[in-house]
C-alpha atoms as a PDB file:
ATOM      1  CA  MET A   1      11.538  98.106 162.758  1.00  0.00           C
ATOM      2  CA  ARG A   2      14.649  96.155 161.770  1.00  0.00           C
ATOM      3  CA  ILE A   3      16.875  98.952 160.560  1.00  0.00           C
ATOM      4  CA  SER A   4      20.479  98.007 161.220  1.00  0.00           C
ATOM      5  CA  GLU A   5      22.658  99.776 163.777  1.00  0.00           C
ATOM      6  CA  THR A   6      25.003 100.839 160.981  1.00  0.00           C
ATOM      7  CA  ALA A   7      22.176 102.343 158.946  1.00  0.00           C
ATOM      8  CA  ASN A   8      20.830 104.169 161.986  1.00  0.00           C
ATOM      9  CA  ARG A   9      24.274 105.503 162.863  1.00  0.00           C
ATOM     10  CA  ASN A  10      24.978 106.738 159.329  1.00  0.00           C
ATOM     11  CA  HIS A  11      21.529 108.287 159.067  1.00  0.00           C
ATOM     12  CA  GLU A  12      21.907 110.015 162.421  1.00  0.00           C
ATOM     13  CA  GLU A  13      25.257 111.483 161.373  1.00  0.00           C
ATOM     14  CA  LEU A  14      23.606 113.166 158.410  1.00  0.00           C
ATOM     15  CA  PHE A  15      20.277 114.026 160.004  1.00  0.00           C
ATOM     16  CA  PRO A  16      20.610 114.359 163.786  1.00  0.00           C
ATOM     17  CA  ASN A  17      17.324 113.899 165.673  1.00  0.00           C
ATOM     18  CA  HIS A  18      15.349 113.669 162.424  1.00  0.00           C
ATOM     19  CA  LYS A  19      11.836 112.289 162.850  1.00  0.00           C
ATOM     20  CA  SER A  20      10.790 110.546 159.650  1.00  0.00           C
ATOM     21  CA  THR A  21       7.093 110.638 158.828  1.00  0.00           C
ATOM     22  CA  LEU A  22       7.664 107.811 156.340  1.00  0.00           C
ATOM     23  CA  LYS A  23       8.744 105.537 159.177  1.00  0.00           C
ATOM     24  CA  VAL A  24       5.169 105.916 160.418  1.00  0.00           C
ATOM     25  CA  THR A  25       3.310 105.670 157.110  1.00  0.00           C
ATOM     26  CA  ASP A  26       5.648 103.382 155.140  1.00  0.00           C
ATOM     27  CA  PRO A  27       7.745 101.463 157.656  1.00  0.00           C
ATOM     28  CA  GLU A  28       8.532  98.483 155.414  1.00  0.00           C
ATOM     29  CA  LEU A  29       9.801 100.675 152.578  1.00  0.00           C
ATOM     30  CA  ILE A  30      11.964 102.754 154.916  1.00  0.00           C
ATOM     31  CA  GLU A  31      13.393  99.597 156.461  1.00  0.00           C
ATOM     32  CA  VAL A  32      14.434  98.327 153.030  1.00  0.00           C
ATOM     33  CA  PHE A  33      15.717 101.682 151.764  1.00  0.00           C
ATOM     34  CA  ASP A  34      17.622 102.735 154.877  1.00  0.00           C
ATOM     35  CA  ASN A  35      19.332  99.372 155.245  1.00  0.00           C
ATOM     36  CA  PHE A  36      20.328  99.487 151.576  1.00  0.00           C
ATOM     37  CA  ALA A  37      21.300 103.158 151.163  1.00  0.00           C
ATOM     38  CA  PHE A  38      22.787 103.811 154.606  1.00  0.00           C
ATOM     39  CA  ASP A  39      24.403 100.448 155.308  1.00  0.00           C
ATOM     40  CA  GLU A  40      25.037  98.196 152.284  1.00  0.00           C
ATOM     41  CA  VAL A  41      25.814 100.926 149.751  1.00  0.00           C
ATOM     42  CA  ILE A  42      27.725 103.267 152.057  1.00  0.00           C
ATOM     43  CA  SER A  43      30.034 100.408 152.992  1.00  0.00           C
ATOM     44  CA  TYR A  44      31.191 100.052 149.362  1.00  0.00           C
ATOM     45  CA  GLY A  45      33.966 101.973 147.669  1.00  0.00           C
ATOM     46  CA  ASN A  46      36.561 104.643 148.341  1.00  0.00           C
ATOM     47  CA  LEU A  47      34.554 107.886 148.599  1.00  0.00           C
ATOM     48  CA  ASP A  48      34.779 109.848 151.831  1.00  0.00           C
ATOM     49  CA  ALA A  49      31.560 111.163 153.371  1.00  0.00           C
ATOM     50  CA  LYS A  50      31.904 114.679 151.945  1.00  0.00           C
ATOM     51  CA  THR A  51      32.582 113.509 148.408  1.00  0.00           C
ATOM     52  CA  ARG A  52      29.719 111.033 148.598  1.00  0.00           C
ATOM     53  CA  MET A  53      27.278 113.768 149.580  1.00  0.00           C
ATOM     54  CA  MET A  54      28.602 116.134 146.921  1.00  0.00           C
ATOM     55  CA  VAL A  55      28.102 113.678 144.068  1.00  0.00           C
ATOM     56  CA  ILE A  56      24.646 112.817 145.409  1.00  0.00           C
ATOM     57  CA  LEU A  57      23.673 116.501 145.361  1.00  0.00           C
ATOM     58  CA  GLY A  58      24.825 116.831 141.752  1.00  0.00           C
ATOM     59  CA  SER A  59      22.893 113.711 140.842  1.00  0.00           C
ATOM     60  CA  LEU A  60      19.700 114.931 142.498  1.00  0.00           C
ATOM     61  CA  ILE A  61      19.827 118.173 140.516  1.00  0.00           C
ATOM     62  CA  ALA A  62      20.158 116.204 137.288  1.00  0.00           C
ATOM     63  CA  SER A  63      17.311 113.922 138.379  1.00  0.00           C
ATOM     64  CA  GLN A  64      15.118 116.962 139.176  1.00  0.00           C
ATOM     65  CA  THR A  65      14.280 115.659 142.654  1.00  0.00           C
ATOM     66  CA  LEU A  66      13.967 118.927 144.559  1.00  0.00           C
ATOM     67  CA  SER A  67      12.450 117.581 147.781  1.00  0.00           C
ATOM     68  CA  GLU A  68      15.159 114.942 148.195  1.00  0.00           C
ATOM     69  CA  TYR A  69      17.791 117.538 147.308  1.00  0.00           C
ATOM     70  CA  LYS A  70      16.650 119.769 150.173  1.00  0.00           C
ATOM     71  CA  VAL A  71      16.886 116.881 152.615  1.00  0.00           C
ATOM     72  CA  MET A  72      20.314 115.778 151.407  1.00  0.00           C
ATOM     73  CA  LEU A  73      21.615 119.352 151.295  1.00  0.00           C
ATOM     74  CA  GLY A  74      20.900 119.604 155.013  1.00  0.00           C
ATOM     75  CA  GLY A  75      22.819 116.375 155.569  1.00  0.00           C
ATOM     76  CA  ALA A  76      25.734 117.590 153.437  1.00  0.00           C
ATOM     77  CA  LEU A  77      26.026 120.804 155.432  1.00  0.00           C
ATOM     78  CA  ASN A  78      25.813 118.810 158.672  1.00  0.00           C
ATOM     79  CA  ILE A  79      28.907 116.768 157.799  1.00  0.00           C
ATOM     80  CA  GLY A  80      31.047 119.646 156.618  1.00  0.00           C
ATOM     81  CA  VAL A  81      30.321 120.394 152.967  1.00  0.00           C
ATOM     82  CA  THR A  82      30.834 124.158 152.930  1.00  0.00           C
ATOM     83  CA  PRO A  83      28.369 126.742 151.617  1.00  0.00           C
ATOM     84  CA  ILE A  84      30.830 127.661 148.842  1.00  0.00           C
ATOM     85  CA  GLU A  85      31.176 123.998 147.850  1.00  0.00           C
ATOM     86  CA  VAL A  86      27.389 123.634 147.800  1.00  0.00           C
ATOM     87  CA  LYS A  87      27.001 126.696 145.596  1.00  0.00           C
ATOM     88  CA  GLU A  88      29.701 125.452 143.231  1.00  0.00           C
ATOM     89  CA  ILE A  89      27.952 122.082 142.905  1.00  0.00           C
ATOM     90  CA  VAL A  90      24.789 123.866 141.791  1.00  0.00           C
ATOM     91  CA  TYR A  91      26.698 126.166 139.451  1.00  0.00           C
ATOM     92  CA  GLN A  92      28.600 123.207 137.965  1.00  0.00           C
ATOM     93  CA  SER A  93      25.283 121.607 137.046  1.00  0.00           C
ATOM     94  CA  VAL A  94      24.101 124.568 134.957  1.00  0.00           C
ATOM     95  CA  PRO A  95      26.019 123.857 131.708  1.00  0.00           C
ATOM     96  CA  TYR A  96      24.986 120.194 131.852  1.00  0.00           C
ATOM     97  CA  VAL A  97      21.325 120.311 132.900  1.00  0.00           C
ATOM     98  CA  GLY A  98      20.522 123.854 131.731  1.00  0.00           C
ATOM     99  CA  MET A  99      19.373 126.845 133.769  1.00  0.00           C
ATOM    100  CA  ALA A 100      15.713 125.826 133.445  1.00  0.00           C
ATOM    101  CA  LYS A 101      16.414 122.672 135.471  1.00  0.00           C
ATOM    102  CA  ALA A 102      18.868 124.308 137.874  1.00  0.00           C
ATOM    103  CA  PHE A 103      16.688 127.339 138.649  1.00  0.00           C
ATOM    104  CA  ASP A 104      14.600 125.878 141.479  1.00  0.00           C
ATOM    105  CA  PHE A 105      17.680 124.276 143.029  1.00  0.00           C
ATOM    106  CA  ILE A 106      19.470 127.638 143.152  1.00  0.00           C
ATOM    107  CA  HIS A 107      16.558 129.175 145.037  1.00  0.00           C
ATOM    108  CA  ALA A 108      16.205 126.163 147.356  1.00  0.00           C
ATOM    109  CA  THR A 109      19.919 126.302 148.136  1.00  0.00           C
ATOM    110  CA  ASN A 110      19.705 130.005 148.925  1.00  0.00           C
ATOM    111  CA  GLU A 111      16.730 129.462 151.238  1.00  0.00           C
ATOM    112  CA  ILE A 112      18.463 126.685 153.172  1.00  0.00           C
ATOM    113  CA  LEU A 113      21.730 128.600 153.508  1.00  0.00           C
ATOM    114  CA  GLU A 114      19.913 131.717 154.706  1.00  0.00           C
ATOM    115  CA  SER A 115      17.885 129.644 157.174  1.00  0.00           C
ATOM    116  CA  ARG A 116      21.230 128.648 158.721  1.00  0.00           C
ATOM    117  CA  GLY A 117      22.288 132.260 159.110  1.00  0.00           C
ATOM    118  CA  ILE A 118      24.616 132.304 156.099  1.00  0.00           C
ATOM    119  CA  LYS A 119      24.695 135.720 154.443  1.00  0.00           C
ATOM    120  CA  LEU A 120      24.325 135.854 150.664  1.00  0.00           C
ATOM    121  CA  PRO A 121      25.893 136.428 148.244  1.00  0.00           C
ATOM    122  CA  LEU A 122      28.904 134.361 149.162  1.00  0.00           C
ATOM    123  CA  GLU A 123      32.419 135.429 148.236  1.00  0.00           C
ATOM    124  CA  GLY A 124      32.866 135.439 144.450  1.00  0.00           C
ATOM    125  CA  GLN A 125      34.736 132.497 142.929  1.00  0.00           C
ATOM    126  CA  SER A 126      35.160 133.572 139.309  1.00  0.00           C
ATOM    127  CA  THR A 127      38.692 133.744 137.918  1.00  0.00           C
ATOM    128  CA  THR A 128      37.980 134.865 134.364  1.00  0.00           C
ATOM    129  CA  SER A 129      36.812 137.972 132.544  1.00  0.00           C
ATOM    130  CA  PRO A 130      34.968 138.395 129.242  1.00  0.00           C
ATOM    131  CA  GLU A 131      38.388 138.869 127.647  1.00  0.00           C
ATOM    132  CA  THR A 132      40.016 135.729 129.151  1.00  0.00           C
ATOM    133  CA  ARG A 133      37.185 133.199 129.487  1.00  0.00           C
ATOM    134  CA  PHE A 134      37.767 131.565 126.078  1.00  0.00           C
ATOM    135  CA  GLU A 135      41.524 131.274 126.437  1.00  0.00           C
ATOM    136  CA  LYS A 136      41.382 129.967 130.000  1.00  0.00           C
ATOM    137  CA  GLY A 137      38.494 127.638 129.213  1.00  0.00           C
ATOM    138  CA  LEU A 138      40.314 126.145 126.251  1.00  0.00           C
ATOM    139  CA  GLU A 139      43.367 125.663 128.474  1.00  0.00           C
ATOM    140  CA  VAL A 140      41.301 123.703 131.031  1.00  0.00           C
ATOM    141  CA  GLN A 141      39.643 121.667 128.271  1.00  0.00           C
ATOM    142  CA  LYS A 142      43.006 120.625 126.881  1.00  0.00           C
ATOM    143  CA  ALA A 143      44.354 119.892 130.355  1.00  0.00           C
ATOM    144  CA  ILE A 144      41.464 117.474 130.918  1.00  0.00           C
ATOM    145  CA  PHE A 145      40.963 115.975 127.453  1.00  0.00           C
ATOM    146  CA  GLY A 146      44.212 116.574 125.588  1.00  0.00           C
ATOM    147  CA  ASP A 147      44.543 116.640 121.804  1.00  0.00           C
ATOM    148  CA  VAL A 148      40.937 115.532 121.279  1.00  0.00           C
ATOM    149  CA  ILE A 149      39.882 119.166 121.708  1.00  0.00           C
ATOM    150  CA  ASP A 150      41.909 120.268 118.698  1.00  0.00           C
ATOM    151  CA  LYS A 151      40.415 117.404 116.720  1.00  0.00           C
ATOM    152  CA  MET A 152      36.889 118.472 117.719  1.00  0.00           C
ATOM    153  CA  TYR A 153      37.590 121.981 116.423  1.00  0.00           C
ATOM    154  CA  GLU A 154      39.088 120.633 113.192  1.00  0.00           C
ATOM    155  CA  ALA A 155      36.158 118.263 112.586  1.00  0.00           C
ATOM    156  CA  SER A 156      33.446 120.815 113.295  1.00  0.00           C
ATOM    157  CA  PRO A 157      31.504 122.143 110.271  1.00  0.00           C
ATOM    158  CA  GLU A 158      31.684 125.904 109.846  1.00  0.00           C
ATOM    159  CA  ASN A 159      28.030 126.350 110.791  1.00  0.00           C
ATOM    160  CA  GLN A 160      28.615 124.477 114.094  1.00  0.00           C
ATOM    161  CA  ILE A 161      31.971 125.838 115.220  1.00  0.00           C
ATOM    162  CA  HIS A 162      30.159 128.279 117.513  1.00  0.00           C
ATOM    163  CA  ILE A 163      29.154 125.331 119.729  1.00  0.00           C
ATOM    164  CA  GLN A 164      32.788 124.337 120.166  1.00  0.00           C
ATOM    165  CA  LYS A 165      33.602 127.926 121.095  1.00  0.00           C
ATOM    166  CA  TYR A 166      30.702 127.994 123.554  1.00  0.00           C
ATOM    167  CA  LEU A 167      32.029 124.818 125.177  1.00  0.00           C
ATOM    168  CA  SER A 168      35.443 126.377 125.610  1.00  0.00           C
ATOM    169  CA  ALA A 169      34.351 129.827 126.777  1.00  0.00           C
ATOM    170  CA  ASN A 170      31.154 129.018 128.635  1.00  0.00           C
ATOM    171  CA  CYS A 171      31.153 125.419 129.898  1.00  0.00           C
ATOM    172  CA  PHE A 172      34.851 125.418 130.768  1.00  0.00           C
ATOM    173  CA  GLY A 173      35.821 129.090 130.864  1.00  0.00           C
ATOM    174  CA  ASP A 174      32.882 130.267 132.948  1.00  0.00           C
ATOM    175  CA  TYR A 175      32.504 127.222 135.224  1.00  0.00           C
ATOM    176  CA  TYR A 176      35.543 124.917 135.397  1.00  0.00           C
ATOM    177  CA  THR A 177      37.903 127.825 136.080  1.00  0.00           C
ATOM    178  CA  ARG A 178      36.019 128.885 139.196  1.00  0.00           C
ATOM    179  CA  LYS A 179      37.498 128.517 142.664  1.00  0.00           C
ATOM    180  CA  GLY A 180      35.720 126.603 145.428  1.00  0.00           C
ATOM    181  CA  LEU A 181      36.167 123.168 143.847  1.00  0.00           C
ATOM    182  CA  ASP A 182      39.213 121.780 142.061  1.00  0.00           C
ATOM    183  CA  VAL A 183      39.048 120.383 138.535  1.00  0.00           C
ATOM    184  CA  LYS A 184      39.277 116.783 139.771  1.00  0.00           C
ATOM    185  CA  THR A 185      36.156 117.270 141.880  1.00  0.00           C
ATOM    186  CA  ARG A 186      34.347 119.146 139.103  1.00  0.00           C
ATOM    187  CA  GLU A 187      34.970 116.280 136.681  1.00  0.00           C
ATOM    188  CA  LEU A 188      33.625 113.764 139.200  1.00  0.00           C
ATOM    189  CA  LEU A 189      30.532 115.929 139.671  1.00  0.00           C
ATOM    190  CA  THR A 190      30.083 116.182 135.911  1.00  0.00           C
ATOM    191  CA  PHE A 191      30.292 112.398 135.651  1.00  0.00           C
ATOM    192  CA  SER A 192      27.614 112.107 138.348  1.00  0.00           C
ATOM    193  CA  ILE A 193      25.358 114.661 136.684  1.00  0.00           C
ATOM    194  CA  ILE A 194      25.597 113.188 133.193  1.00  0.00           C
ATOM    195  CA  LEU A 195      25.027 109.578 134.270  1.00  0.00           C
ATOM    196  CA  SER A 196      21.993 110.718 136.277  1.00  0.00           C
ATOM    197  CA  LEU A 197      20.507 112.567 133.304  1.00  0.00           C
ATOM    198  CA  GLY A 198      20.335 109.329 131.318  1.00  0.00           C
ATOM    199  CA  GLY A 199      20.491 109.146 127.540  1.00  0.00           C
ATOM    200  CA  CYS A 200      23.836 110.943 127.411  1.00  0.00           C
ATOM    201  CA  GLU A 201      26.117 107.928 127.103  1.00  0.00           C
ATOM    202  CA  PRO A 202      28.407 109.439 124.413  1.00  0.00           C
ATOM    203  CA  GLN A 203      29.083 112.425 126.675  1.00  0.00           C
ATOM    204  CA  LEU A 204      29.387 110.129 129.681  1.00  0.00           C
ATOM    205  CA  LYS A 205      32.139 108.162 127.944  1.00  0.00           C
ATOM    206  CA  GLY A 206      33.972 111.374 127.172  1.00  0.00           C
ATOM    207  CA  HIS A 207      33.880 112.396 130.806  1.00  0.00           C
ATOM    208  CA  ILE A 208      34.926 108.949 131.983  1.00  0.00           C
ATOM    209  CA  GLN A 209      38.117 109.541 129.998  1.00  0.00           C
ATOM    210  CA  GLY A 210      38.320 113.068 131.383  1.00  0.00           C
ATOM    211  CA  ASN A 211      38.061 111.715 134.920  1.00  0.00           C
ATOM    212  CA  LEU A 212      40.827 109.225 134.270  1.00  0.00           C
ATOM    213  CA  ASN A 213      42.994 112.015 132.875  1.00  0.00           C
ATOM    214  CA  VAL A 214      42.619 114.119 136.043  1.00  0.00           C
ATOM    215  CA  GLY A 215      43.218 111.212 138.438  1.00  0.00           C
ATOM    216  CA  ASN A 216      39.800 109.729 139.206  1.00  0.00           C
ATOM    217  CA  ASP A 217      40.399 106.023 138.609  1.00  0.00           C
ATOM    218  CA  LYS A 218      37.880 103.283 137.864  1.00  0.00           C
ATOM    219  CA  GLU A 219      37.490 102.441 141.542  1.00  0.00           C
ATOM    220  CA  THR A 220      36.465 106.035 142.256  1.00  0.00           C
ATOM    221  CA  LEU A 221      34.041 106.140 139.326  1.00  0.00           C
ATOM    222  CA  LEU A 222      32.509 102.794 140.237  1.00  0.00           C
ATOM    223  CA  SER A 223      32.238 103.916 143.853  1.00  0.00           C
ATOM    224  CA  THR A 224      30.412 107.029 142.658  1.00  0.00           C
ATOM    225  CA  VAL A 225      27.962 105.053 140.532  1.00  0.00           C
ATOM    226  CA  THR A 226      27.306 102.719 143.468  1.00  0.00           C
ATOM    227  CA  GLN A 227      26.598 105.577 145.885  1.00  0.00           C
ATOM    228  CA  LEU A 228      24.117 107.057 143.400  1.00  0.00           C
ATOM    229  CA  LEU A 229      22.283 103.770 142.828  1.00  0.00           C
ATOM    230  CA  PRO A 230      19.664 104.212 145.598  1.00  0.00           C
ATOM    231  CA  TYR A 231      18.719 107.612 144.147  1.00  0.00           C
ATOM    232  CA  ILE A 232      18.800 106.976 140.372  1.00  0.00           C
ATOM    233  CA  GLY A 233      17.773 103.303 140.143  1.00  0.00           C
ATOM    234  CA  TYR A 234      19.269 100.330 138.355  1.00  0.00           C
ATOM    235  CA  PRO A 235      18.793 101.175 134.634  1.00  0.00           C
ATOM    236  CA  ARG A 236      20.949 104.322 134.713  1.00  0.00           C
ATOM    237  CA  THR A 237      23.379 102.641 137.087  1.00  0.00           C
ATOM    238  CA  LEU A 238      23.836  99.687 134.732  1.00  0.00           C
ATOM    239  CA  ASN A 239      24.192 101.984 131.718  1.00  0.00           C
ATOM    240  CA  ALA A 240      26.948 103.892 133.487  1.00  0.00           C
ATOM    241  CA  ILE A 241      28.747 100.685 134.469  1.00  0.00           C
ATOM    242  CA  ALA A 242      28.531  99.467 130.867  1.00  0.00           C
ATOM    243  CA  CYS A 243      30.224 102.679 129.742  1.00  0.00           C
ATOM    244  CA  LEU A 244      32.892 102.255 132.411  1.00  0.00           C
ATOM    245  CA  ASN A 245      33.601  98.693 131.360  1.00  0.00           C
ATOM    246  CA  GLU A 246      33.752  99.667 127.695  1.00  0.00           C
ATOM    247  CA  LEU A 247      36.423 102.291 128.337  1.00  0.00           C
ATOM    248  CA  ILE A 248      38.179 100.531 131.203  1.00  0.00           C
ATOM    249  CA  PRO A 249      37.774  96.767 130.731  1.00  0.00           C
ATOM    250  CA  GLU A 250      38.153  94.449 133.696  1.00  0.00           C
END
């Protein structure tokens, strides 16, 4: 097989001593994929190895690719993504993909962590209470998005204002205020999750602006899209790049 030394080295870092059955059954495909994903693509952009694996995990949850998630979760743990960080990635996906889609990934994560001798539950990361979740969530929303949040509340019809309140209290109050990951990382994960869902371009544009506001520049966002390309394909990749270029022209 003609898999490059760089691809082999990067693959081995993530999956030491892994014996791929696909190398036996589908050697030509694995040659193409490994050279692309673990050499060409990895060489692009400004993401460190941990961040790259974290955004890939978020993307795989959104894409509902459980088997690949299990494989990549092992690789993420091997290079230093912590159990708490892994759990927070899964939790961060819940308000964006829904519990129905996150459910199997929660159980798979628990099984893999326990198989590595990690005792569950992990240390709690919540920083809010039922009394403070709305206030603190709204504070995080405004820190990320600014005055647009007030405008969203003002523009909301009376029979839909509950959704705005849910966003503040639940999406941001229950999840973004948690410890384990900072807001900058959570916004990058959200960007990865939404672009991988597909069909959510209005929300993707909103979170592109949110990422810019918290310090994730276009290079970082483009690097993220590029690292996800082997796992989500070209259509969603190109849609995400189109949104990036619309908001941040070259």
